Amino acid sequence: MKFFDDIRIGDVVMTGRHTFTAGEIKSFATRFDPQLFHVDEEEAARSHFGALCASGWHTASAWMRLMVDYRRAENDAARARGEGVAASGPALGFRDLKWLKPVYAGDAIDYKSEVLEVRASNSRPGFGLVTVLTSGANQNGAPVISFVSTTFVARRQEKP
């Protein structure tokens, strides 16, 4: 993770791509969101979606997995170069969560996060707050999910 001092408004991170399969859509939904249009293809075909589609929570969870993997790889690369890695978290939550379009079996979603705001933390002087707009778009470029989140990120420590 970059240090707070190195993060700028407008910075964009391409987190990665996830392709949703029918099997994983049903598996996730069976455990966490067992609505018929997520777990049964025939029922989904009769629903307002017209076909099996992923739970919105599944699309958010897929982003989280990709973000953790992205940060882990970024941190490993920084350490390999002998650079420090900033601590981050906790996140302060989501706002303006929108599921803009259904995600169907076979859809490949590209996720990205863009920095909207950076500000020093008043409550934790060694940290700043970074607010990002995260979005996902399908293989046709259609937006399918978006949300805003804010996370603590460590500031670079001055050496004496």
N, C-alpha and C. Protein backbone atom coordinates (compact mmCIF):
# COMPACT_ATOMS: atom_id res chain seq x y z
N MET A 1 0.85 -1.18 0.00
CA MET A 1 0.00 0.00 0.00
C MET A 1 0.89 1.23 0.00
N LYS A 2 0.55 2.17 -0.84
CA LYS A 2 1.25 3.45 -0.83
C LYS A 2 1.00 4.15 0.50
N PHE A 3 1.93 4.99 0.89
CA PHE A 3 1.72 5.83 2.05
C PHE A 3 0.74 6.95 1.70
N PHE A 4 0.03 7.42 2.71
CA PHE A 4 -0.93 8.49 2.53
C PHE A 4 -0.30 9.67 1.78
N ASP A 5 0.94 9.99 2.14
CA ASP A 5 1.63 11.15 1.55
C ASP A 5 1.85 11.00 0.04
N ASP A 6 1.77 9.79 -0.49
CA ASP A 6 2.02 9.53 -1.91
C ASP A 6 0.74 9.36 -2.72
N ILE A 7 -0.40 9.48 -2.08
CA ILE A 7 -1.69 9.28 -2.75
C ILE A 7 -2.26 10.63 -3.14
N ARG A 8 -2.73 10.73 -4.39
CA ARG A 8 -3.26 11.99 -4.92
C ARG A 8 -4.70 11.81 -5.41
N ILE A 9 -5.46 12.89 -5.30
CA ILE A 9 -6.80 12.88 -5.88
C ILE A 9 -6.68 12.58 -7.37
N GLY A 10 -7.51 11.69 -7.85
CA GLY A 10 -7.48 11.29 -9.26
C GLY A 10 -6.70 10.02 -9.53
N ASP A 11 -5.88 9.57 -8.56
CA ASP A 11 -5.17 8.30 -8.73
C ASP A 11 -6.19 7.19 -8.98
N VAL A 12 -5.87 6.30 -9.92
CA VAL A 12 -6.75 5.19 -10.26
C VAL A 12 -6.01 3.88 -10.08
N VAL A 13 -6.67 2.92 -9.46
CA VAL A 13 -6.14 1.56 -9.32
C VAL A 13 -7.08 0.63 -10.07
N MET A 14 -6.53 -0.10 -11.02
CA MET A 14 -7.29 -1.15 -11.71
C MET A 14 -7.10 -2.41 -10.89
N THR A 15 -8.12 -2.77 -10.14
CA THR A 15 -8.02 -3.85 -9.17
C THR A 15 -7.94 -5.21 -9.82
N GLY A 16 -8.69 -5.42 -10.88
CA GLY A 16 -8.68 -6.71 -11.56
C GLY A 16 -10.01 -7.03 -12.18
N ARG A 17 -10.08 -8.24 -12.73
CA ARG A 17 -11.28 -8.72 -13.43
C ARG A 17 -11.73 -10.03 -12.83
N HIS A 18 -13.05 -10.16 -12.72
CA HIS A 18 -13.63 -11.42 -12.25
C HIS A 18 -14.73 -11.84 -13.21
N THR A 19 -14.70 -13.10 -13.63
CA THR A 19 -15.76 -13.66 -14.47
C THR A 19 -16.67 -14.51 -13.59
N PHE A 20 -17.95 -14.22 -13.65
CA PHE A 20 -18.95 -14.90 -12.83
C PHE A 20 -19.49 -16.11 -13.58
N THR A 21 -19.36 -17.27 -12.98
CA THR A 21 -19.90 -18.49 -13.58
C THR A 21 -21.24 -18.83 -12.93
N ALA A 22 -22.04 -19.61 -13.63
CA ALA A 22 -23.34 -20.04 -13.09
C ALA A 22 -23.14 -20.79 -11.78
N GLY A 23 -22.16 -21.67 -11.75
CA GLY A 23 -21.92 -22.46 -10.54
C GLY A 23 -21.58 -21.61 -9.34
N GLU A 24 -20.70 -20.63 -9.52
CA GLU A 24 -20.33 -19.80 -8.37
C GLU A 24 -21.44 -18.85 -7.99
N ILE A 25 -22.23 -18.39 -8.95
CA ILE A 25 -23.38 -17.53 -8.63
C ILE A 25 -24.34 -18.29 -7.72
N LYS A 26 -24.65 -19.52 -8.10
CA LYS A 26 -25.58 -20.34 -7.30
C LYS A 26 -24.98 -20.69 -5.95
N SER A 27 -23.70 -21.02 -5.91
CA SER A 27 -23.04 -21.39 -4.66
C SER A 27 -23.04 -20.22 -3.67
N PHE A 28 -22.64 -19.04 -4.14
CA PHE A 28 -22.62 -17.86 -3.27
C PHE A 28 -24.04 -17.56 -2.78
N ALA A 29 -25.00 -17.55 -3.71
CA ALA A 29 -26.37 -17.19 -3.35
C ALA A 29 -27.00 -18.21 -2.41
N THR A 30 -26.70 -19.48 -2.61
CA THR A 30 -27.26 -20.50 -1.72
C THR A 30 -26.85 -20.24 -0.28
N ARG A 31 -25.62 -19.79 -0.09
CA ARG A 31 -25.12 -19.52 1.26
C ARG A 31 -25.55 -18.16 1.80
N PHE A 32 -25.60 -17.13 0.94
CA PHE A 32 -25.72 -15.77 1.46
C PHE A 32 -26.90 -14.95 0.95
N ASP A 33 -27.51 -15.32 -0.16
CA ASP A 33 -28.59 -14.51 -0.74
C ASP A 33 -29.50 -15.41 -1.58
N PRO A 34 -30.21 -16.35 -0.92
CA PRO A 34 -30.90 -17.41 -1.64
C PRO A 34 -32.22 -17.00 -2.30
N GLN A 35 -32.20 -15.90 -3.02
CA GLN A 35 -33.36 -15.53 -3.81
C GLN A 35 -33.37 -16.37 -5.08
N LEU A 36 -34.57 -16.71 -5.55
CA LEU A 36 -34.69 -17.67 -6.65
C LEU A 36 -33.94 -17.26 -7.92
N PHE A 37 -33.90 -15.97 -8.24
CA PHE A 37 -33.21 -15.55 -9.46
C PHE A 37 -31.69 -15.65 -9.35
N HIS A 38 -31.18 -15.99 -8.15
CA HIS A 38 -29.75 -16.24 -7.96
C HIS A 38 -29.41 -17.72 -7.86
N VAL A 39 -30.40 -18.56 -7.60
CA VAL A 39 -30.10 -19.98 -7.33
C VAL A 39 -30.75 -20.96 -8.29
N ASP A 40 -31.75 -20.52 -9.05
CA ASP A 40 -32.50 -21.44 -9.91
C ASP A 40 -32.63 -20.83 -11.31
N GLU A 41 -32.03 -21.47 -12.29
CA GLU A 41 -32.02 -20.90 -13.65
C GLU A 41 -33.40 -20.79 -14.26
N GLU A 42 -34.26 -21.76 -14.01
CA GLU A 42 -35.62 -21.70 -14.57
C GLU A 42 -36.43 -20.57 -13.93
N GLU A 43 -36.33 -20.46 -12.60
CA GLU A 43 -37.02 -19.36 -11.91
C GLU A 43 -36.45 -18.01 -12.35
N ALA A 44 -35.14 -17.95 -12.51
CA ALA A 44 -34.50 -16.71 -12.94
C ALA A 44 -34.99 -16.29 -14.33
N ALA A 45 -35.19 -17.27 -15.22
CA ALA A 45 -35.67 -16.97 -16.57
C ALA A 45 -37.07 -16.34 -16.52
N ARG A 46 -37.86 -16.69 -15.52
CA ARG A 46 -39.21 -16.14 -15.38
C ARG A 46 -39.22 -14.82 -14.59
N SER A 47 -38.10 -14.46 -14.01
CA SER A 47 -38.04 -13.24 -13.19
C SER A 47 -37.87 -12.01 -14.08
N HIS A 48 -37.92 -10.85 -13.46
CA HIS A 48 -37.69 -9.60 -14.20
C HIS A 48 -36.27 -9.49 -14.74
N PHE A 49 -35.33 -10.33 -14.24
CA PHE A 49 -33.96 -10.33 -14.77
C PHE A 49 -33.85 -11.14 -16.06
N GLY A 50 -34.71 -12.14 -16.23
CA GLY A 50 -34.72 -12.93 -17.46
C GLY A 50 -33.70 -14.04 -17.53
N ALA A 51 -32.79 -14.09 -16.57
CA ALA A 51 -31.75 -15.13 -16.56
C ALA A 51 -31.08 -15.11 -15.19
N LEU A 52 -30.35 -16.16 -14.90
CA LEU A 52 -29.61 -16.26 -13.64
C LEU A 52 -28.66 -15.07 -13.53
N CYS A 53 -28.67 -14.43 -12.38
CA CYS A 53 -27.76 -13.29 -12.17
C CYS A 53 -27.17 -13.35 -10.77
N ALA A 54 -26.01 -12.75 -10.65
CA ALA A 54 -25.27 -12.75 -9.38
C ALA A 54 -25.93 -11.81 -8.38
N SER A 55 -25.84 -12.19 -7.12
CA SER A 55 -26.24 -11.30 -6.04
C SER A 55 -25.35 -10.05 -6.09
N GLY A 56 -25.93 -8.92 -5.77
CA GLY A 56 -25.12 -7.70 -5.68
C GLY A 56 -24.02 -7.86 -4.64
N TRP A 57 -24.33 -8.58 -3.56
CA TRP A 57 -23.32 -8.82 -2.52
C TRP A 57 -22.18 -9.66 -3.08
N HIS A 58 -22.47 -10.53 -4.02
CA HIS A 58 -21.43 -11.33 -4.66
C HIS A 58 -20.51 -10.43 -5.48
N THR A 59 -21.09 -9.46 -6.20
CA THR A 59 -20.26 -8.56 -7.00
C THR A 59 -19.36 -7.71 -6.09
N ALA A 60 -19.87 -7.33 -4.93
CA ALA A 60 -19.05 -6.58 -3.97
C ALA A 60 -17.97 -7.47 -3.37
N SER A 61 -18.31 -8.70 -3.04
CA SER A 61 -17.33 -9.65 -2.47
C SER A 61 -16.23 -9.98 -3.45
N ALA A 62 -16.57 -10.10 -4.72
CA ALA A 62 -15.54 -10.37 -5.74
C ALA A 62 -14.54 -9.22 -5.79
N TRP A 63 -15.04 -7.98 -5.71
CA TRP A 63 -14.13 -6.83 -5.67
C TRP A 63 -13.22 -6.92 -4.44
N MET A 64 -13.77 -7.26 -3.29
CA MET A 64 -12.96 -7.32 -2.06
C MET A 64 -11.82 -8.32 -2.23
N ARG A 65 -12.12 -9.49 -2.79
CA ARG A 65 -11.08 -10.50 -3.02
C ARG A 65 -9.99 -9.95 -3.93
N LEU A 66 -10.39 -9.30 -5.01
CA LEU A 66 -9.42 -8.73 -5.94
C LEU A 66 -8.60 -7.62 -5.29
N MET A 67 -9.24 -6.80 -4.46
CA MET A 67 -8.52 -5.71 -3.79
C MET A 67 -7.48 -6.26 -2.82
N VAL A 68 -7.84 -7.27 -2.06
CA VAL A 68 -6.88 -7.89 -1.13
C VAL A 68 -5.71 -8.47 -1.91
N ASP A 69 -5.98 -9.18 -2.99
CA ASP A 69 -4.92 -9.75 -3.82
C ASP A 69 -4.04 -8.66 -4.43
N TYR A 70 -4.67 -7.58 -4.92
CA TYR A 70 -3.93 -6.48 -5.52
C TYR A 70 -2.98 -5.85 -4.49
N ARG A 71 -3.51 -5.56 -3.31
CA ARG A 71 -2.67 -4.93 -2.27
C ARG A 71 -1.55 -5.85 -1.81
N ARG A 72 -1.84 -7.12 -1.69
CA ARG A 72 -0.81 -8.08 -1.28
C ARG A 72 0.33 -8.08 -2.31
N ALA A 73 -0.01 -8.14 -3.59
CA ALA A 73 1.01 -8.13 -4.64
C ALA A 73 1.78 -6.81 -4.65
N GLU A 74 1.06 -5.70 -4.48
CA GLU A 74 1.70 -4.38 -4.44
C GLU A 74 2.68 -4.30 -3.27
N ASN A 75 2.27 -4.79 -2.12
CA ASN A 75 3.13 -4.78 -0.93
C ASN A 75 4.34 -5.68 -1.10
N ASP A 76 4.14 -6.87 -1.66
CA ASP A 76 5.26 -7.78 -1.89
C ASP A 76 6.28 -7.16 -2.84
N ALA A 77 5.80 -6.50 -3.89
CA ALA A 77 6.70 -5.85 -4.86
C ALA A 77 7.48 -4.72 -4.19
N ALA A 78 6.82 -3.93 -3.35
CA ALA A 78 7.50 -2.83 -2.66
C ALA A 78 8.58 -3.38 -1.73
N ARG A 79 8.24 -4.43 -0.98
CA ARG A 79 9.23 -5.03 -0.08
C ARG A 79 10.42 -5.59 -0.86
N ALA A 80 10.17 -6.19 -2.01
CA ALA A 80 11.25 -6.75 -2.84
C ALA A 80 12.19 -5.64 -3.33
N ARG A 81 11.65 -4.43 -3.49
CA ARG A 81 12.48 -3.29 -3.90
C ARG A 81 13.14 -2.62 -2.69
N GLY A 82 12.85 -3.13 -1.48
CA GLY A 82 13.41 -2.54 -0.27
C GLY A 82 12.66 -1.32 0.23
N GLU A 83 11.44 -1.14 -0.24
CA GLU A 83 10.64 0.01 0.15
C GLU A 83 9.71 -0.35 1.31
N GLY A 84 9.32 0.66 2.05
CA GLY A 84 8.36 0.46 3.13
C GLY A 84 6.95 0.29 2.58
N VAL A 85 6.11 -0.28 3.40
CA VAL A 85 4.71 -0.50 3.04
C VAL A 85 3.85 0.15 4.11
N ALA A 86 2.88 0.92 3.68
CA ALA A 86 2.00 1.62 4.61
C ALA A 86 0.93 0.69 5.17
N ALA A 87 0.65 0.86 6.44
CA ALA A 87 -0.48 0.17 7.05
C ALA A 87 -1.76 0.86 6.58
N SER A 88 -2.82 0.08 6.46
CA SER A 88 -4.11 0.67 6.09
C SER A 88 -5.20 0.02 6.91
N GLY A 89 -6.30 0.74 6.99
CA GLY A 89 -7.46 0.24 7.73
C GLY A 89 -7.49 0.82 9.12
N PRO A 90 -8.60 0.73 9.73
CA PRO A 90 -9.79 0.09 9.20
C PRO A 90 -10.51 0.98 8.20
N ALA A 91 -11.34 0.33 7.40
CA ALA A 91 -12.22 1.07 6.50
C ALA A 91 -13.39 1.58 7.34
N LEU A 92 -13.91 2.71 6.96
CA LEU A 92 -15.00 3.33 7.71
C LEU A 92 -16.37 2.98 7.13
N GLY A 93 -16.39 2.11 6.13
CA GLY A 93 -17.65 1.66 5.56
C GLY A 93 -17.87 2.16 4.15
N PHE A 94 -19.02 1.77 3.62
CA PHE A 94 -19.44 2.15 2.26
C PHE A 94 -20.55 3.18 2.35
N ARG A 95 -20.67 3.95 1.29
CA ARG A 95 -21.86 4.78 1.11
C ARG A 95 -22.16 4.83 -0.38
N ASP A 96 -23.37 5.19 -0.68
CA ASP A 96 -23.81 5.31 -2.07
C ASP A 96 -23.59 4.02 -2.87
N LEU A 97 -23.80 2.87 -2.22
CA LEU A 97 -23.68 1.59 -2.90
C LEU A 97 -24.81 1.46 -3.91
N LYS A 98 -24.44 1.20 -5.17
CA LYS A 98 -25.44 1.06 -6.23
C LYS A 98 -25.12 -0.17 -7.06
N TRP A 99 -26.15 -0.98 -7.26
CA TRP A 99 -26.06 -2.09 -8.22
C TRP A 99 -26.79 -1.61 -9.46
N LEU A 100 -26.04 -1.25 -10.47
CA LEU A 100 -26.56 -0.50 -11.61
C LEU A 100 -27.14 -1.36 -12.72
N LYS A 101 -26.67 -2.58 -12.82
CA LYS A 101 -27.10 -3.48 -13.89
C LYS A 101 -26.85 -4.90 -13.41
N PRO A 102 -27.71 -5.84 -13.79
CA PRO A 102 -27.47 -7.23 -13.36
C PRO A 102 -26.16 -7.78 -13.91
N VAL A 103 -25.56 -8.66 -13.13
CA VAL A 103 -24.36 -9.40 -13.57
C VAL A 103 -24.82 -10.83 -13.82
N TYR A 104 -24.74 -11.24 -15.08
CA TYR A 104 -25.20 -12.56 -15.49
C TYR A 104 -24.04 -13.55 -15.56
N ALA A 105 -24.39 -14.83 -15.56
CA ALA A 105 -23.37 -15.88 -15.72
C ALA A 105 -22.61 -15.61 -17.02
N GLY A 106 -21.30 -15.65 -16.92
CA GLY A 106 -20.43 -15.37 -18.06
C GLY A 106 -19.94 -13.94 -18.13
N ASP A 107 -20.55 -13.03 -17.39
CA ASP A 107 -20.09 -11.64 -17.40
C ASP A 107 -18.73 -11.54 -16.71
N ALA A 108 -17.86 -10.73 -17.31
CA ALA A 108 -16.54 -10.45 -16.75
C ALA A 108 -16.54 -8.98 -16.30
N ILE A 109 -16.32 -8.78 -15.01
CA ILE A 109 -16.39 -7.44 -14.44
C ILE A 109 -14.98 -6.93 -14.14
N ASP A 110 -14.67 -5.75 -14.67
CA ASP A 110 -13.42 -5.06 -14.37
C ASP A 110 -13.69 -4.04 -13.29
N TYR A 111 -12.90 -4.11 -12.22
CA TYR A 111 -13.08 -3.23 -11.07
C TYR A 111 -11.95 -2.20 -11.02
N LYS A 112 -12.32 -0.98 -10.66
CA LYS A 112 -11.31 0.06 -10.46
C LYS A 112 -11.73 0.96 -9.32
N SER A 113 -10.74 1.63 -8.72
CA SER A 113 -10.99 2.59 -7.64
C SER A 113 -10.27 3.88 -7.97
N GLU A 114 -10.97 4.99 -7.82
CA GLU A 114 -10.39 6.31 -8.09
C GLU A 114 -10.45 7.14 -6.82
N VAL A 115 -9.33 7.77 -6.47
CA VAL A 115 -9.26 8.60 -5.26
C VAL A 115 -10.05 9.88 -5.48
N LEU A 116 -11.00 10.11 -4.56
CA LEU A 116 -11.83 11.32 -4.61
C LEU A 116 -11.35 12.39 -3.64
N GLU A 117 -10.84 11.95 -2.48
CA GLU A 117 -10.48 12.90 -1.43
C GLU A 117 -9.37 12.31 -0.57
N VAL A 118 -8.46 13.17 -0.13
CA VAL A 118 -7.44 12.80 0.85
C VAL A 118 -7.43 13.91 1.91
N ARG A 119 -7.37 13.48 3.17
CA ARG A 119 -7.28 14.47 4.23
C ARG A 119 -6.61 13.85 5.45
N ALA A 120 -5.90 14.67 6.18
CA ALA A 120 -5.26 14.21 7.41
C ALA A 120 -6.32 13.81 8.42
N SER A 121 -6.01 12.81 9.22
CA SER A 121 -6.93 12.38 10.27
C SER A 121 -6.72 13.23 11.51
N ASN A 122 -7.80 13.71 12.08
CA ASN A 122 -7.71 14.45 13.33
C ASN A 122 -7.58 13.51 14.52
N SER A 123 -8.18 12.33 14.44
CA SER A 123 -8.19 11.41 15.57
C SER A 123 -6.97 10.49 15.61
N ARG A 124 -6.33 10.27 14.47
CA ARG A 124 -5.15 9.40 14.40
C ARG A 124 -4.06 10.15 13.63
N PRO A 125 -3.20 10.89 14.34
CA PRO A 125 -2.23 11.77 13.68
C PRO A 125 -1.26 11.07 12.73
N GLY A 126 -1.00 9.80 12.91
CA GLY A 126 -0.08 9.09 12.03
C GLY A 126 -0.74 8.56 10.78
N PHE A 127 -2.00 8.95 10.57
CA PHE A 127 -2.78 8.43 9.44
C PHE A 127 -3.50 9.56 8.72
N GLY A 128 -3.86 9.25 7.48
CA GLY A 128 -4.75 10.10 6.70
C GLY A 128 -5.96 9.29 6.32
N LEU A 129 -6.95 9.97 5.80
CA LEU A 129 -8.16 9.32 5.32
C LEU A 129 -8.22 9.46 3.80
N VAL A 130 -8.42 8.33 3.14
CA VAL A 130 -8.50 8.31 1.68
C VAL A 130 -9.90 7.84 1.31
N THR A 131 -10.59 8.65 0.51
CA THR A 131 -11.92 8.31 0.03
C THR A 131 -11.84 7.98 -1.44
N VAL A 132 -12.40 6.83 -1.81
CA VAL A 132 -12.35 6.37 -3.20
C VAL A 132 -13.74 6.03 -3.72
N LEU A 133 -13.88 6.19 -5.02
CA LEU A 133 -15.06 5.71 -5.74
C LEU A 133 -14.64 4.42 -6.43
N THR A 134 -15.26 3.32 -6.03
CA THR A 134 -14.99 2.04 -6.66
C THR A 134 -16.13 1.73 -7.61
N SER A 135 -15.76 1.22 -8.78
CA SER A 135 -16.78 0.88 -9.77
C SER A 135 -16.39 -0.40 -10.48
N GLY A 136 -17.40 -1.04 -11.03
CA GLY A 136 -17.18 -2.23 -11.83
C GLY A 136 -17.99 -2.12 -13.10
N ALA A 137 -17.40 -2.54 -14.21
CA ALA A 137 -18.08 -2.51 -15.51
C ALA A 137 -17.94 -3.88 -16.16
N ASN A 138 -19.00 -4.27 -16.89
CA ASN A 138 -18.95 -5.57 -17.55
C ASN A 138 -18.12 -5.51 -18.84
N GLN A 139 -18.02 -6.65 -19.50
CA GLN A 139 -17.19 -6.78 -20.70
C GLN A 139 -17.64 -5.85 -21.84
N ASN A 140 -18.85 -5.30 -21.74
CA ASN A 140 -19.34 -4.35 -22.75
C ASN A 140 -19.14 -2.91 -22.32
N GLY A 141 -18.52 -2.72 -21.15
CA GLY A 141 -18.28 -1.38 -20.64
C GLY A 141 -19.43 -0.80 -19.84
N ALA A 142 -20.50 -1.58 -19.64
CA ALA A 142 -21.66 -1.08 -18.89
C ALA A 142 -21.37 -1.14 -17.39
N PRO A 143 -21.57 -0.03 -16.68
CA PRO A 143 -21.37 -0.02 -15.22
C PRO A 143 -22.37 -0.97 -14.54
N VAL A 144 -21.86 -1.75 -13.57
CA VAL A 144 -22.73 -2.70 -12.87
C VAL A 144 -22.76 -2.46 -11.35
N ILE A 145 -21.73 -1.83 -10.80
CA ILE A 145 -21.67 -1.57 -9.36
C ILE A 145 -20.84 -0.32 -9.13
N SER A 146 -21.20 0.44 -8.10
CA SER A 146 -20.36 1.55 -7.66
C SER A 146 -20.63 1.82 -6.19
N PHE A 147 -19.60 2.31 -5.51
CA PHE A 147 -19.75 2.70 -4.11
C PHE A 147 -18.57 3.58 -3.73
N VAL A 148 -18.77 4.35 -2.67
CA VAL A 148 -17.73 5.22 -2.13
C VAL A 148 -17.32 4.65 -0.78
N SER A 149 -16.02 4.62 -0.52
CA SER A 149 -15.53 4.14 0.77
C SER A 149 -14.37 5.01 1.23
N THR A 150 -14.17 5.01 2.55
CA THR A 150 -13.08 5.77 3.15
C THR A 150 -12.29 4.85 4.06
N THR A 151 -10.96 4.95 3.98
CA THR A 151 -10.07 4.07 4.72
C THR A 151 -8.93 4.89 5.32
N PHE A 152 -8.49 4.49 6.51
CA PHE A 152 -7.28 5.05 7.09
C PHE A 152 -6.07 4.50 6.35
N VAL A 153 -5.08 5.37 6.08
CA VAL A 153 -3.82 4.95 5.47
C VAL A 153 -2.69 5.65 6.23
N ALA A 154 -1.66 4.89 6.59
CA ALA A 154 -0.54 5.43 7.38
C ALA A 154 0.21 6.51 6.61
N ARG A 155 0.64 7.51 7.37
CA ARG A 155 1.51 8.56 6.81
C ARG A 155 2.96 8.09 6.90
N ARG A 156 3.77 8.62 6.05
CA ARG A 156 5.20 8.33 6.10
C ARG A 156 5.77 8.94 7.36
N GLN A 157 6.51 8.17 8.13
CA GLN A 157 7.09 8.65 9.38
C GLN A 157 8.39 9.39 9.07
N GLU A 158 8.52 10.57 9.64
CA GLU A 158 9.75 11.35 9.48
C GLU A 158 10.86 10.70 10.29
N LYS A 159 12.04 10.60 9.68
CA LYS A 159 13.19 10.04 10.39
C LYS A 159 13.90 11.16 11.14
N PRO A 160 14.30 10.90 12.40
CA PRO A 160 14.97 11.95 13.21
C PRO A 160 16.33 12.33 12.66
